[in-house]
Amino acid sequence: MPLPDDMELVARLLAGDEDLFAQVVHRYQRSLRKVALTWVRTPAAAEETVQDTWLAVMRGLRLFEGRASFKTWLFRILANRAKSRAAIDRRMVPMSSLLREDDSDGGDATERFDASGSWARPVADWRETSAERLAMNREVLGLVDAAVTMLPPSQRAVLTLRDIEGLAGDDVCAVLSLTPGNQRVLLHRARTSVRDAVHRHMAARHGATRT
């Protein structure tokens, strides 16, 4: 079921709507866990971070002013909790260290954007490609999920927030403390990796079928 608009959602949660809260948790739990793994290094730590996030959400609902979407607000809380958990565990990995040298704003990244900051060539969206436009059946969804799981943490976080959760680029930058240039490059690399992984599987399957 679709969630109500943000202000109604918050009002109902403040009123103690447990069914709606369960629906919100079901909607975001998996994505929160994936993004938490950008900072913490174990599934157990990610799970604890997500639980801490939900507690913080319920305690802070009265502070929600609607300046950002509920979704963006939720993931900002998650990011803050994950960073704090990583620091306590002395395992914190700054986002900058998760970027490969050529993921920075310089180098080949500058050649991908024009003077206005837009892509010089449109970014291929992994959701729109394949020999048969990747009819999104269960098999392909499973392949996409597996490919996303294999991405480097920074790419996985950006792709999850942009293409799965639908956050705008500016919101992703705020949640993950990225520059707009880095956010665009990470999204491009993540989409390309997922698309190529699905293509390889489909090509191998097609070759096996022909033989």
Protein backbone atom coordinates (compact mmCIF):
# COMPACT_ATOMS: atom_id res chain seq x y z
CA MET A 1 0.00 0.00 0.00
CA PRO A 2 1.26 3.52 -0.73
CA LEU A 3 2.17 5.62 2.27
CA PRO A 4 0.20 8.80 2.99
CA ASP A 5 1.77 12.18 2.32
CA ASP A 6 4.48 13.24 4.73
CA MET A 7 2.49 15.49 7.07
CA GLU A 8 -0.36 13.00 7.38
CA LEU A 9 2.16 10.22 7.88
CA VAL A 10 3.84 12.04 10.75
CA ALA A 11 0.53 13.04 12.32
CA ARG A 12 -0.73 9.47 12.30
CA LEU A 13 2.53 8.15 13.72
CA LEU A 14 2.39 10.72 16.50
CA ALA A 15 -1.16 9.58 17.19
CA GLY A 16 0.13 6.04 17.74
CA ASP A 17 -0.89 4.33 14.49
CA GLU A 18 1.03 1.07 14.98
CA ASP A 19 -0.14 -0.48 11.71
CA LEU A 20 1.19 2.49 9.77
CA PHE A 21 4.48 2.37 11.64
CA ALA A 22 4.83 -1.32 10.76
CA GLN A 23 4.16 -0.41 7.13
CA VAL A 24 6.85 2.31 7.19
CA VAL A 25 9.35 -0.08 8.75
CA HIS A 26 8.58 -2.73 6.12
CA ARG A 27 8.98 -0.15 3.36
CA TYR A 28 12.41 1.13 4.40
CA GLN A 29 14.06 -1.55 6.55
CA ARG A 30 16.03 -3.27 3.81
CA SER A 31 17.29 -0.06 2.23
CA LEU A 32 18.30 1.38 5.59
CA ARG A 33 20.33 -1.74 6.30
CA LYS A 34 22.10 -1.49 2.95
CA VAL A 35 22.97 2.15 3.43
CA ALA A 36 24.14 1.53 7.01
CA LEU A 37 26.71 -0.90 5.63
CA THR A 38 28.37 2.07 3.95
CA TRP A 39 29.82 2.93 7.36
CA VAL A 40 29.57 -0.12 9.60
CA ARG A 41 31.22 -3.35 8.58
CA THR A 42 29.00 -6.16 9.79
CA PRO A 43 25.35 -7.07 9.19
CA ALA A 44 24.82 -7.23 12.95
CA ALA A 45 26.10 -3.67 13.39
CA ALA A 46 23.93 -2.52 10.49
CA GLU A 47 20.86 -4.14 12.05
CA GLU A 48 21.53 -2.47 15.40
CA THR A 49 22.06 0.86 13.64
CA VAL A 50 18.73 0.55 11.87
CA GLN A 51 16.97 -0.23 15.15
CA ASP A 52 18.61 2.83 16.72
CA THR A 53 17.39 4.84 13.74
CA TRP A 54 13.77 3.80 14.26
CA LEU A 55 13.99 4.75 17.93
CA ALA A 56 15.42 8.13 16.98
CA VAL A 57 12.64 8.62 14.41
CA MET A 58 9.89 7.99 16.95
CA ARG A 59 11.55 10.25 19.51
CA GLY A 60 12.08 13.01 16.98
CA LEU A 61 8.78 12.98 15.09
CA ARG A 62 7.57 16.16 16.80
CA LEU A 63 10.61 17.94 15.38
CA PHE A 64 9.75 17.05 11.78
CA GLU A 65 8.93 20.31 9.98
CA GLY A 66 8.59 19.11 6.41
CA ARG A 67 11.56 21.11 5.12
CA ALA A 68 12.84 17.88 3.60
CA SER A 69 10.77 14.84 2.72
CA PHE A 70 10.17 12.25 5.42
CA LYS A 71 12.28 9.83 3.40
CA THR A 72 15.24 12.22 3.26
CA TRP A 73 14.86 12.98 6.97
CA LEU A 74 14.80 9.25 7.75
CA PHE A 75 17.99 8.51 5.81
CA ARG A 76 19.79 11.49 7.33
CA ILE A 77 19.05 10.07 10.78
CA LEU A 78 20.30 6.67 9.61
CA ALA A 79 23.52 8.18 8.26
CA ASN A 80 24.17 10.03 11.52
CA ARG A 81 23.54 6.91 13.59
CA ALA A 82 25.74 4.78 11.33
CA LYS A 83 28.61 7.26 11.53
CA SER A 84 28.33 7.40 15.31
CA ARG A 85 28.27 3.62 15.57
CA ALA A 86 31.32 3.31 13.33
CA ALA A 87 33.20 5.89 15.39
CA ILE A 88 32.41 4.07 18.62
CA ASP A 89 33.61 0.80 17.10
CA ARG A 90 36.73 2.58 15.84
CA ARG A 91 35.96 1.32 12.40
CA MET A 92 34.86 4.51 10.77
CA VAL A 93 35.63 4.67 7.07
CA PRO A 94 35.22 8.22 5.71
CA MET A 95 33.21 8.39 2.51
CA SER A 96 36.23 9.95 0.80
CA SER A 97 38.27 6.81 1.48
CA LEU A 98 35.59 4.68 -0.15
CA LEU A 99 36.01 6.54 -3.42
CA ARG A 100 38.55 5.26 -5.86
CA GLU A 101 41.04 7.86 -6.98
CA ASP A 102 39.22 8.29 -10.28
CA ASP A 103 35.86 8.75 -8.48
CA SER A 104 36.82 12.24 -7.36
CA ASP A 105 35.64 15.46 -8.99
CA GLY A 106 38.85 15.71 -10.95
CA GLY A 107 40.41 13.52 -13.60
CA ASP A 108 38.12 11.75 -16.02
CA ALA A 109 35.04 12.91 -14.08
CA THR A 110 35.36 16.46 -15.41
CA GLU A 111 35.13 15.16 -18.97
CA ARG A 112 31.71 13.68 -18.27
CA PHE A 113 29.99 17.00 -17.52
CA ASP A 114 29.49 20.20 -19.48
CA ALA A 115 30.00 23.73 -18.19
CA SER A 116 26.56 23.74 -16.52
CA GLY A 117 27.29 20.57 -14.59
CA SER A 118 25.00 18.38 -16.69
CA TRP A 119 26.10 15.11 -18.27
CA ALA A 120 27.95 15.62 -21.55
CA ARG A 121 26.38 12.33 -22.61
CA PRO A 122 23.21 10.97 -20.98
CA VAL A 123 23.78 8.42 -18.23
CA ALA A 124 22.56 4.96 -19.14
CA ASP A 125 19.95 3.88 -16.61
CA TRP A 126 20.32 0.20 -15.69
CA ARG A 127 16.53 -0.05 -15.44
CA GLU A 128 16.02 0.73 -19.13
CA THR A 129 18.47 -1.57 -20.90
CA SER A 130 18.86 -5.15 -22.13
CA ALA A 131 18.31 -7.28 -25.23
CA GLU A 132 14.58 -7.30 -24.48
CA ARG A 133 14.52 -4.16 -22.28
CA LEU A 134 14.97 -6.50 -19.33
CA ALA A 135 11.39 -7.41 -18.64
CA MET A 136 11.38 -7.01 -14.89
CA ASN A 137 10.46 -10.54 -13.87
CA ARG A 138 11.60 -12.22 -10.70
CA GLU A 139 14.79 -13.52 -12.25
CA VAL A 140 15.96 -10.11 -13.42
CA LEU A 141 15.00 -8.49 -10.13
CA GLY A 142 17.11 -11.10 -8.38
CA LEU A 143 20.04 -10.38 -10.68
CA VAL A 144 19.74 -6.65 -10.07
CA ASP A 145 19.59 -7.15 -6.31
CA ALA A 146 22.65 -9.39 -6.37
CA ALA A 147 24.55 -6.90 -8.54
CA VAL A 148 23.67 -4.01 -6.21
CA THR A 149 24.88 -6.03 -3.22
CA MET A 150 28.27 -6.48 -4.90
CA LEU A 151 28.82 -2.76 -5.48
CA PRO A 152 31.37 -0.82 -3.44
CA PRO A 153 29.65 0.71 -0.39
CA SER A 154 29.63 4.28 -1.68
CA GLN A 155 28.12 3.26 -5.02
CA ARG A 156 25.58 1.00 -3.33
CA ALA A 157 24.47 3.82 -1.06
CA VAL A 158 24.05 6.30 -3.90
CA LEU A 159 22.24 3.82 -6.15
CA THR A 160 19.94 2.68 -3.34
CA LEU A 161 18.97 6.22 -2.45
CA ARG A 162 18.62 7.51 -6.01
CA ASP A 163 17.16 4.64 -8.01
CA ILE A 164 15.44 2.53 -5.38
CA GLU A 165 14.32 5.13 -2.85
CA GLY A 166 13.91 7.93 -5.39
CA LEU A 167 15.75 10.68 -3.52
CA ALA A 168 16.86 13.70 -5.51
CA GLY A 169 20.55 14.21 -6.13
CA ASP A 170 20.77 17.15 -3.70
CA ASP A 171 19.17 15.06 -0.95
CA VAL A 172 21.59 12.21 -1.57
CA CYS A 173 24.50 14.64 -1.30
CA ALA A 174 23.14 15.85 2.04
CA VAL A 175 22.60 12.35 3.40
CA LEU A 176 25.99 11.01 2.34
CA SER A 177 28.06 14.22 2.59
CA LEU A 178 29.03 14.07 -1.08
CA THR A 179 29.72 16.80 -3.60
CA PRO A 180 27.34 16.92 -6.58
CA GLY A 181 30.17 15.79 -8.86
CA ASN A 182 31.00 12.75 -6.77
CA GLN A 183 27.35 11.84 -6.45
CA ARG A 184 26.93 11.89 -10.24
CA VAL A 185 30.07 9.83 -10.85
CA LEU A 186 29.16 7.24 -8.22
CA LEU A 187 25.66 6.90 -9.66
CA HIS A 188 27.07 6.48 -13.16
CA ARG A 189 29.52 3.80 -12.06
CA ALA A 190 26.88 1.96 -10.05
CA ARG A 191 24.32 1.95 -12.88
CA THR A 192 26.94 0.80 -15.34
CA SER A 193 28.09 -2.04 -13.08
CA VAL A 194 24.55 -3.28 -12.46
CA ARG A 195 23.62 -3.05 -16.13
CA ASP A 196 26.78 -4.89 -17.21
CA ALA A 197 26.30 -7.63 -14.63
CA VAL A 198 22.75 -8.30 -15.82
CA HIS A 199 23.86 -8.17 -19.46
CA ARG A 200 26.60 -10.72 -18.84
CA HIS A 201 24.17 -13.11 -17.19
CA MET A 202 21.59 -12.72 -19.94
CA ALA A 203 24.20 -13.15 -22.67
CA ALA A 204 25.59 -16.28 -21.02
CA ARG A 205 22.11 -17.70 -20.66
CA HIS A 206 21.27 -16.90 -24.26
CA GLY A 207 24.49 -18.57 -25.42
CA ALA A 208 23.74 -21.66 -23.36
CA THR A 209 20.24 -21.83 -24.80
CA ARG A 210 21.55 -21.65 -28.37
CA THR A 211 24.03 -24.48 -27.78
